[in-house]
Amino acid sequence: MDREIRRADVVIVGGGASGLAAAIELGMKAPALDVLVIEKMPEPGRKIRATGSGRCNISNTAAAGFSRIMEFFREIGLVTKTYENGLVYPYSESAADVATLLTERAASLGVKIACGEELMTVKYLPASLAFEGAPEDRNIFMLETVIKDRDGLRSIRTHALYVILAMGGKAGPTFGTIGDGFRIARNLGHRIVTPVPALTGIECDEWEEGNKPCGITLGGTRSSGVVSLYRDPDEVFGEETKVFEEAGEIQFTKYGLSGICVFNMTRYMRFNRRAGESLDQFLVKVDLFPDGDITEYIRDRQKGCFADTPVGEMLRTVFKEPLADYVIGASDDGPDENGRAFEDRSISSLSDEEVRTIADHVHSLEFHPVQMRGWNDAQVTMGGVSLDEINEATSESLLVKGLYITGELADRDFRCGGYNLSNAWITGLAAADDIAQ
């Protein structure tokens, strides 16, 4: 395999959000530096193009570093709009426009972008073993990359004074984020907190065939409500074990639970298999009627002119049919003495205990997680390079001078709403500003 040798002052590995932000910032603040972006995908910014369902929620007014992020985007000419809930989008609401602008701005500043090039190793060497003219008082980096073309594999060795690892985590592997950055960082001496998918759906035991009622019947149903997460190794799940609660739209899928509030909940579902922990220590409860007490609603109906309305019909006026039927199935103790099915009985025939049973399932519908959805569905990675080994003000490694770790490669993750992209921008800018100084 032929080997090409080249030099750069700064090599940025990864042409995503943090990598492109760093490249542009270096081009603006330190134009004398030779900056090279290495991206293994055919083009940079592929994951950016998919963010926010193609609209690109670039930041949030409540995100750390928000003012600095907006200063950067104003400087490069991106017009944005901010909604009352704090979400910030490009004015065009096109993620593709953001990716294109970032790529064009980097190129116009003289940043070289090498696509289709995969990083294999990074070594930290004395300058005397690398190239003439390198500072004698510090080590330098040697990166080995490969390009696959019609003639086979071509190897490239790159010498650099600074390296920014902006390789992302493992979420969204179709965009090239397969966790290879963790291997590179580990080989450079860093500790990796076990990566797990987050901001994703959860599969639940109630969806197993044969379960009564079976959650499969809820597939495709959406409902506003409140999700609560309980964690207890003893699986008692008292109110004191609640670790998360959020209102929002809950999506019942073909496998379990989804929706933004569920995504945010998954950030609290980390566990240690090596210590014998499992998802069994978690319980999800859903309140389908958070705006009041369903008990009062039922008792009002019992006293009204339509007290002979069947239970099923009554609940279907409150909830979508699949949810109403699921609640009925969960509350059903079987036919009454006259052989009438529970859903066909009149509201007036319900005992106080039966009303309480229905209310319990409406306000605390239980689901038992059995599995998180995988990397293809996850929006972000929990875990990564330990923050104990990174200067959070500059993104520089505390173990390897001149090495910077940005974005999702570090053990940082945030809720939905532009916070994770904000983390990518601000850590990339911090690395570039530190190098430029």
Protein backbone atom coordinates (compact mmCIF):
# COMPACT_ATOMS: atom_id res chain seq x y z
CA MET A 1 0.00 0.00 0.00
CA ASP A 2 1.45 3.37 -1.06
CA ARG A 3 1.89 5.96 1.66
CA GLU A 4 1.57 9.70 1.23
CA ILE A 5 3.07 12.09 3.81
CA ARG A 6 1.69 15.57 4.54
CA ARG A 7 1.74 18.24 7.25
CA ALA A 8 -0.82 20.52 8.89
CA ASP A 9 -0.75 22.82 11.88
CA VAL A 10 -4.17 21.61 13.04
CA VAL A 11 -5.94 18.42 12.06
CA ILE A 12 -9.64 18.20 12.90
CA VAL A 13 -10.98 14.65 12.74
CA GLY A 14 -14.68 14.80 11.94
CA GLY A 15 -16.57 17.17 9.67
CA GLY A 16 -19.68 17.43 11.82
CA ALA A 17 -21.00 20.28 13.95
CA SER A 18 -18.10 20.70 16.38
CA GLY A 19 -15.47 19.98 13.73
CA LEU A 20 -16.78 22.51 11.22
CA ALA A 21 -17.32 25.14 13.94
CA ALA A 22 -13.71 24.69 15.07
CA ALA A 23 -12.41 24.84 11.49
CA ILE A 24 -14.25 28.08 10.70
CA GLU A 25 -13.24 29.70 13.98
CA LEU A 26 -9.58 28.86 13.33
CA GLY A 27 -9.89 30.20 9.80
CA MET A 28 -11.24 33.51 11.15
CA LYS A 29 -9.06 33.89 14.27
CA ALA A 30 -5.80 32.27 13.15
CA PRO A 31 -5.63 32.51 9.33
CA ALA A 32 -1.90 31.76 9.32
CA LEU A 33 -2.52 28.22 10.56
CA ASP A 34 -2.81 25.38 8.07
CA VAL A 35 -6.07 23.62 9.02
CA LEU A 36 -7.13 20.21 7.70
CA VAL A 37 -10.48 18.52 8.33
CA ILE A 38 -10.55 14.75 7.86
CA GLU A 39 -14.03 13.31 7.27
CA LYS A 40 -14.60 9.65 6.50
CA MET A 41 -18.00 10.19 4.90
CA PRO A 42 -18.26 11.33 1.24
CA GLU A 43 -19.22 14.84 2.38
CA PRO A 44 -19.08 16.84 5.62
CA GLY A 45 -22.10 17.73 7.72
CA ARG A 46 -24.23 14.68 6.97
CA LYS A 47 -25.55 14.36 10.52
CA ILE A 48 -26.27 18.09 10.68
CA ARG A 49 -28.54 17.70 7.66
CA ALA A 50 -30.71 15.21 9.57
CA THR A 51 -31.02 17.13 12.83
CA GLY A 52 -34.33 18.49 14.02
CA SER A 53 -36.22 16.37 11.48
CA GLY A 54 -34.40 18.29 8.76
CA ARG A 55 -35.07 21.71 10.36
CA CYS A 56 -31.91 21.89 12.54
CA ASN A 57 -32.69 23.09 16.06
CA ILE A 58 -29.26 24.73 16.33
CA SER A 59 -29.50 25.96 19.93
CA ASN A 60 -31.68 26.96 22.86
CA THR A 61 -31.74 30.26 24.73
CA ALA A 62 -31.22 28.29 27.96
CA ALA A 63 -28.18 26.37 26.66
CA ALA A 64 -24.74 26.96 28.13
CA GLY A 65 -22.73 29.27 25.89
CA PHE A 66 -25.80 30.47 24.00
CA SER A 67 -24.54 34.03 23.49
CA ARG A 68 -21.18 32.79 22.20
CA ILE A 69 -22.90 30.39 19.81
CA MET A 70 -25.15 33.09 18.38
CA GLU A 71 -22.19 35.44 18.02
CA PHE A 72 -20.50 32.78 15.88
CA PHE A 73 -23.54 32.27 13.66
CA ARG A 74 -24.05 36.00 13.20
CA GLU A 75 -20.42 36.29 12.18
CA ILE A 76 -20.74 33.65 9.48
CA GLY A 77 -24.02 35.09 8.24
CA LEU A 78 -26.67 32.61 9.40
CA VAL A 79 -30.06 34.25 9.99
CA THR A 80 -32.01 32.55 12.78
CA LYS A 81 -35.42 32.63 14.40
CA THR A 82 -36.18 32.05 18.08
CA TYR A 83 -39.47 30.64 19.37
CA GLU A 84 -41.12 31.45 22.68
CA ASN A 85 -40.03 28.10 24.11
CA GLY A 86 -36.37 29.01 23.51
CA LEU A 87 -35.77 26.82 20.46
CA VAL A 88 -33.55 28.42 17.82
CA TYR A 89 -33.69 27.44 14.15
CA PRO A 90 -32.16 28.77 10.95
CA TYR A 91 -34.64 31.21 9.43
CA SER A 92 -35.08 28.89 6.44
CA GLU A 93 -35.71 25.98 8.86
CA SER A 94 -33.47 23.90 6.61
CA ALA A 95 -30.74 21.77 8.18
CA ALA A 96 -29.21 21.32 4.72
CA ASP A 97 -28.74 25.10 4.50
CA VAL A 98 -26.78 25.08 7.76
CA ALA A 99 -24.51 22.24 6.63
CA THR A 100 -23.90 23.90 3.26
CA LEU A 101 -23.12 27.28 4.82
CA LEU A 102 -20.65 25.78 7.31
CA THR A 103 -18.86 23.83 4.58
CA GLU A 104 -18.67 26.84 2.25
CA ARG A 105 -17.44 29.16 4.99
CA ALA A 106 -14.69 26.72 5.97
CA ALA A 107 -13.55 26.35 2.36
CA SER A 108 -13.58 30.11 1.76
CA LEU A 109 -11.25 30.57 4.74
CA GLY A 110 -8.71 28.17 3.26
CA VAL A 111 -9.58 25.14 5.38
CA LYS A 112 -8.79 21.91 3.55
CA ILE A 113 -11.48 19.23 3.82
CA ALA A 114 -10.48 15.65 2.96
CA CYS A 115 -13.55 13.42 2.59
CA GLY A 116 -13.71 9.66 2.28
CA GLU A 117 -10.66 9.38 4.52
CA GLU A 118 -10.77 7.19 7.62
CA LEU A 119 -8.55 7.65 10.66
CA MET A 120 -6.85 4.47 11.83
CA THR A 121 -4.35 5.59 14.50
CA VAL A 122 -3.01 8.69 16.24
CA LYS A 123 0.43 8.66 17.86
CA TYR A 124 2.05 11.29 20.04
CA LEU A 125 5.75 11.55 19.18
CA PRO A 126 8.78 13.71 19.88
CA ALA A 127 9.19 16.30 17.13
CA SER A 128 12.61 14.89 16.28
CA LEU A 129 10.92 11.74 14.99
CA ALA A 130 8.52 13.64 12.76
CA PHE A 131 9.46 16.63 10.64
CA GLU A 132 12.01 19.38 10.49
CA GLY A 133 10.98 22.75 11.82
CA ALA A 134 8.58 21.46 14.48
CA PRO A 135 8.89 23.09 17.92
CA GLU A 136 11.63 21.32 19.86
CA ASP A 137 9.96 21.80 23.23
CA ARG A 138 6.88 19.73 22.54
CA ASN A 139 5.66 16.53 21.00
CA ILE A 140 3.66 16.34 17.79
CA PHE A 141 0.98 14.05 16.40
CA MET A 142 1.24 11.48 13.64
CA LEU A 143 -2.08 10.38 12.16
CA GLU A 144 -2.49 7.34 9.92
CA THR A 145 -5.50 7.47 7.60
CA VAL A 146 -6.65 5.40 4.65
CA ILE A 147 -8.62 6.17 1.52
CA LYS A 148 -10.33 3.49 -0.49
CA ASP A 149 -10.47 4.20 -4.22
CA ARG A 150 -10.56 2.25 -7.47
CA ASP A 151 -6.95 1.20 -7.01
CA GLY A 152 -7.52 -0.17 -3.53
CA LEU A 153 -6.42 1.30 -0.20
CA ARG A 154 -4.16 4.32 -0.08
CA SER A 155 -2.43 5.23 3.19
CA ILE A 156 -1.66 8.77 4.32
CA ARG A 157 0.54 9.84 7.21
CA THR A 158 -0.14 13.32 8.54
CA HIS A 159 2.03 15.24 11.00
CA ALA A 160 0.29 17.92 13.06
CA LEU A 161 0.94 20.24 15.99
CA TYR A 162 -2.66 20.06 17.23
CA VAL A 163 -5.42 17.49 16.86
CA ILE A 164 -9.11 18.07 17.51
CA LEU A 165 -11.05 14.83 17.86
CA ALA A 166 -14.59 15.76 16.78
CA MET A 167 -15.63 12.25 15.79
CA GLY A 168 -18.98 12.05 17.58
CA GLY A 169 -20.29 9.15 19.62
CA LYS A 170 -22.20 6.07 18.43
CA ALA A 171 -25.70 7.44 17.86
CA GLY A 172 -26.76 7.54 14.20
CA PRO A 173 -24.16 5.16 12.73
CA THR A 174 -25.54 5.71 9.21
CA PHE A 175 -23.90 9.14 9.42
CA GLY A 176 -20.51 7.64 10.23
CA THR A 177 -20.64 7.87 14.02
CA ILE A 178 -19.77 4.31 14.98
CA GLY A 179 -17.70 4.93 18.10
CA ASP A 180 -14.25 4.80 16.47
CA GLY A 181 -13.35 8.01 18.29
CA PHE A 182 -13.55 6.13 21.59
CA ARG A 183 -10.91 3.69 20.35
CA ILE A 184 -8.61 6.53 19.28
CA ALA A 185 -9.02 8.37 22.61
CA ARG A 186 -8.49 5.17 24.60
CA ASN A 187 -5.27 4.44 22.72
CA LEU A 188 -4.07 7.92 23.68
CA GLY A 189 -4.57 7.04 27.35
CA HIS A 190 -8.08 8.28 28.02
CA ARG A 191 -10.70 6.46 30.09
CA ILE A 192 -13.99 5.83 28.31
CA VAL A 193 -17.24 5.83 30.26
CA THR A 194 -19.26 3.02 28.67
CA PRO A 195 -21.32 4.50 25.81
CA VAL A 196 -25.05 3.75 25.80
CA PRO A 197 -27.84 5.10 23.56
CA ALA A 198 -29.95 7.99 24.88
CA LEU A 199 -32.78 10.21 23.66
CA THR A 200 -34.36 7.11 22.24
CA GLY A 201 -37.44 4.95 22.66
CA ILE A 202 -37.80 2.09 25.13
CA GLU A 203 -39.15 -1.39 24.57
CA CYS A 204 -41.52 -2.61 27.28
CA ASP A 205 -42.57 -5.99 28.63
CA GLU A 206 -46.23 -5.12 28.06
CA TRP A 207 -45.66 -5.47 24.29
CA GLU A 208 -44.86 -9.17 24.56
CA GLU A 209 -47.37 -11.34 22.74
CA GLY A 210 -49.75 -12.96 25.18
CA ASN A 211 -49.67 -10.04 27.60
CA LYS A 212 -53.18 -8.93 28.59
CA PRO A 213 -53.80 -6.25 27.63
CA CYS A 214 -51.08 -6.23 24.97
CA GLY A 215 -49.29 -2.98 24.19
CA ILE A 216 -49.06 -3.89 20.51
CA THR A 217 -52.64 -2.64 20.17
CA LEU A 218 -51.40 0.85 21.13
CA GLY A 219 -49.00 1.09 18.17
CA GLY A 220 -49.38 4.41 16.36
CA THR A 221 -51.34 6.09 19.18
CA ARG A 222 -50.30 9.47 20.58
CA SER A 223 -51.50 11.12 23.77
CA SER A 224 -50.55 14.06 25.92
CA GLY A 225 -49.70 13.09 29.45
CA VAL A 226 -46.98 12.88 32.08
CA VAL A 227 -44.29 10.21 32.19
CA SER A 228 -42.58 9.38 35.48
CA LEU A 229 -39.56 7.15 36.02
CA TYR A 230 -38.94 5.19 39.21
CA ARG A 231 -35.71 3.46 40.15
CA ASP A 232 -35.38 0.94 42.96
CA PRO A 233 -33.10 -2.15 43.07
CA ASP A 234 -35.71 -3.81 45.27
CA GLU A 235 -38.44 -3.01 42.72
CA VAL A 236 -40.74 -1.46 45.32
CA PHE A 237 -41.14 1.80 43.37
CA GLY A 238 -42.58 4.03 46.06
CA GLU A 239 -43.04 7.74 45.43
CA GLU A 240 -39.65 8.43 47.03
CA THR A 241 -37.97 6.41 44.25
CA LYS A 242 -39.13 8.77 41.48
CA VAL A 243 -36.11 10.10 39.55
CA PHE A 244 -37.75 11.84 36.59
CA GLU A 245 -41.04 13.39 35.54
CA GLU A 246 -42.03 15.34 32.46
CA ALA A 247 -45.21 16.29 30.63
CA GLY A 248 -45.46 16.04 26.86
CA GLU A 249 -46.74 13.99 23.97
CA ILE A 250 -46.30 10.26 24.51
CA GLN A 251 -46.01 8.10 21.44
CA PHE A 252 -47.07 4.47 21.76
CA THR A 253 -45.20 2.54 19.09
CA LYS A 254 -45.08 -1.01 17.81
CA TYR A 255 -42.39 -1.81 20.41
CA GLY A 256 -43.08 0.44 23.41
CA LEU A 257 -42.83 4.13 24.35
CA SER A 258 -41.41 7.09 22.48
CA GLY A 259 -41.79 10.87 22.24
CA ILE A 260 -39.66 13.77 23.44
CA CYS A 261 -40.60 13.37 27.12
CA VAL A 262 -39.69 9.67 26.89
CA PHE A 263 -36.43 10.53 25.09
CA ASN A 264 -35.49 12.90 27.91
CA MET A 265 -36.36 10.21 30.44
CA THR A 266 -33.87 7.74 28.94
CA ARG A 267 -30.99 9.95 30.11
CA TYR A 268 -31.86 8.76 33.64
CA MET A 269 -31.87 5.07 32.75
CA ARG A 270 -28.15 4.35 32.88
CA PHE A 271 -27.22 1.17 34.77
CA ASN A 272 -24.13 -0.97 35.35
CA ARG A 273 -24.44 -4.54 34.12
CA ARG A 274 -21.09 -5.46 35.67
CA ALA A 275 -22.50 -4.55 39.07
CA GLY A 276 -25.51 -6.78 38.46
CA GLU A 277 -27.86 -3.92 37.60
CA SER A 278 -30.49 -4.15 34.88
CA LEU A 279 -33.52 -2.36 33.52
CA ASP A 280 -35.61 -4.37 35.99
CA GLN A 281 -34.86 -1.69 38.58
CA PHE A 282 -36.81 0.88 36.55
CA LEU A 283 -40.57 1.38 36.24
CA VAL A 284 -42.36 3.87 34.01
CA LYS A 285 -45.73 5.29 34.96
CA VAL A 286 -47.91 7.32 32.62
CA ASP A 287 -50.63 9.74 33.73
CA LEU A 288 -53.08 9.97 30.85
CA PHE A 289 -55.31 12.54 32.58
CA PRO A 290 -52.93 15.01 34.30
CA ASP A 291 -55.36 17.94 34.18
CA GLY A 292 -57.73 16.55 36.78
CA ASP A 293 -58.97 13.52 38.69
CA ILE A 294 -60.67 10.97 36.44
CA THR A 295 -62.50 9.70 39.53
CA GLU A 296 -64.52 12.90 39.74
CA TYR A 297 -65.34 12.70 36.03
CA ILE A 298 -66.63 9.13 36.36
CA ARG A 299 -68.70 9.90 39.47
CA ASP A 300 -70.26 12.90 37.76
CA ARG A 301 -71.27 10.62 34.88
CA GLN A 302 -72.71 8.09 37.34
CA LYS A 303 -75.13 10.72 38.66
CA GLY A 304 -76.07 12.22 35.29
CA CYS A 305 -78.77 11.52 32.76
CA PHE A 306 -76.50 9.16 30.88
CA ALA A 307 -75.53 6.91 33.77
CA ASP A 308 -76.49 3.89 31.70
CA THR A 309 -73.65 4.64 29.23
CA PRO A 310 -71.31 1.63 28.92
CA VAL A 311 -67.89 1.99 30.57
CA GLY A 312 -66.10 1.50 27.25
CA GLU A 313 -68.13 4.19 25.52
CA MET A 314 -67.51 6.61 28.38
CA LEU A 315 -63.73 6.14 28.32
CA ARG A 316 -63.61 6.48 24.53
CA THR A 317 -64.96 10.01 24.87
CA VAL A 318 -61.91 10.86 27.03
CA PHE A 319 -59.13 8.88 25.33
CA LYS A 320 -58.37 7.63 21.87
CA GLU A 321 -59.94 4.24 21.32
CA PRO A 322 -56.78 2.10 21.60
CA LEU A 323 -55.87 3.78 24.91
CA ALA A 324 -59.41 3.52 26.26
CA ASP A 325 -59.50 -0.18 25.37
CA TYR A 326 -56.09 -0.72 26.97
CA VAL A 327 -57.19 0.94 30.23
CA ILE A 328 -60.36 -1.17 30.21
CA GLY A 329 -58.33 -4.33 29.65
CA ALA A 330 -55.95 -3.43 32.48
CA SER A 331 -58.86 -2.67 34.84
CA ASP A 332 -61.06 -5.64 33.86
CA ASP A 333 -61.64 -8.33 36.49
CA GLY A 334 -63.88 -10.33 34.19
CA PRO A 335 -67.64 -10.36 33.45
CA ASP A 336 -70.16 -9.57 36.17
CA GLU A 337 -72.69 -12.02 37.59
CA ASN A 338 -74.90 -11.48 34.55
CA GLY A 339 -72.07 -12.32 32.16
CA ARG A 340 -71.65 -8.75 30.91
CA ALA A 341 -68.16 -7.80 29.81
CA PHE A 342 -66.59 -5.02 31.85
CA GLU A 343 -66.58 -2.52 28.97
CA ASP A 344 -70.32 -3.15 28.33
CA ARG A 345 -71.42 -2.51 31.89
CA SER A 346 -73.11 0.80 32.64
CA ILE A 347 -71.19 3.49 34.48
CA SER A 348 -73.79 3.43 37.25
CA SER A 349 -73.03 -0.23 37.99
CA LEU A 350 -69.39 0.47 38.91
CA SER A 351 -68.52 0.05 42.56
CA ASP A 352 -66.26 2.55 44.33
CA GLU A 353 -63.45 0.00 44.17
CA GLU A 354 -63.90 -0.45 40.42
CA VAL A 355 -63.85 3.33 39.91
CA ARG A 356 -60.61 3.52 41.88
CA THR A 357 -59.14 0.71 39.78
CA ILE A 358 -59.91 2.55 36.56
CA ALA A 359 -58.50 5.77 38.04
CA ASP A 360 -55.31 4.00 39.11
CA HIS A 361 -54.71 2.82 35.56
CA VAL A 362 -55.55 6.19 34.03
CA HIS A 363 -53.24 8.14 36.35
CA SER A 364 -50.52 5.50 36.89
CA LEU A 365 -50.46 3.22 33.87
CA GLU A 366 -47.38 1.05 34.42
CA PHE A 367 -44.83 -0.07 31.85
CA HIS A 368 -41.77 -2.21 32.52
CA PRO A 369 -38.71 -1.40 30.34
CA VAL A 370 -36.86 -4.40 28.93
CA GLN A 371 -34.57 -2.72 26.41
CA MET A 372 -33.47 0.66 25.12
CA ARG A 373 -33.77 1.18 21.39
CA GLY A 374 -30.42 0.80 19.63
CA TRP A 375 -27.92 3.20 18.12
CA ASN A 376 -29.88 3.59 14.87
CA ASP A 377 -32.77 5.18 16.78
CA ALA A 378 -30.79 7.09 19.41
CA GLN A 379 -30.26 10.82 19.01
CA VAL A 380 -27.28 11.05 21.33
CA THR A 381 -24.67 8.99 23.17
CA MET A 382 -24.43 8.77 26.96
CA GLY A 383 -20.86 8.07 28.00
CA GLY A 384 -17.57 8.80 26.28
CA VAL A 385 -14.22 10.28 27.28
CA SER A 386 -14.26 10.97 31.01
CA LEU A 387 -14.72 14.65 31.83
CA ASP A 388 -12.14 14.21 34.60
CA GLU A 389 -9.55 14.11 31.81
CA ILE A 390 -10.71 17.17 29.83
CA ASN A 391 -10.31 20.89 30.51
CA GLU A 392 -13.96 21.84 30.06
CA ALA A 393 -13.11 25.52 29.45
CA THR A 394 -10.90 24.73 26.44
CA SER A 395 -11.81 21.12 25.46
CA GLU A 396 -8.10 20.24 25.72
CA SER A 397 -7.05 16.86 27.06
CA LEU A 398 -5.48 16.97 30.50
CA LEU A 399 -3.38 13.94 29.55
CA VAL A 400 -2.07 14.84 26.07
CA LYS A 401 -0.98 18.39 25.33
CA GLY A 402 -2.35 19.71 22.04
CA LEU A 403 -5.16 17.13 21.87
CA TYR A 404 -8.74 18.44 22.02
CA ILE A 405 -11.90 16.37 22.53
CA THR A 406 -15.16 17.99 21.47
CA GLY A 407 -18.85 17.32 21.03
CA GLU A 408 -20.39 13.94 21.68
CA LEU A 409 -17.05 12.18 22.00
CA ALA A 410 -16.86 13.46 25.59
CA ASP A 411 -19.13 12.15 28.34
CA ARG A 412 -21.74 14.89 27.97
CA ASP A 413 -25.35 14.50 26.96
CA PHE A 414 -28.33 16.80 27.23
CA ARG A 415 -32.10 16.80 26.89
CA CYS A 416 -33.90 17.43 23.60
CA GLY A 417 -34.31 21.00 22.42
CA GLY A 418 -31.06 22.14 20.82
CA TYR A 419 -28.85 21.46 23.85
CA ASN A 420 -26.76 18.71 22.29
CA LEU A 421 -26.02 20.70 19.15
CA SER A 422 -25.16 23.65 21.41
CA ASN A 423 -22.63 21.41 23.14
CA ALA A 424 -21.09 20.54 19.77
CA TRP A 425 -20.76 24.19 18.68
CA ILE A 426 -19.44 25.53 21.98
CA THR A 427 -16.83 22.80 22.57
CA GLY A 428 -15.56 23.13 18.99
CA LEU A 429 -15.31 26.91 19.36
CA ALA A 430 -13.53 26.54 22.71
CA ALA A 431 -10.89 24.26 21.18
CA ALA A 432 -10.32 26.60 18.24
CA ASP A 433 -10.09 29.69 20.44
CA ASP A 434 -7.53 27.99 22.70
CA ILE A 435 -5.37 26.98 19.74
CA ALA A 436 -5.69 30.43 18.15
CA GLN A 437 -4.47 32.07 21.35
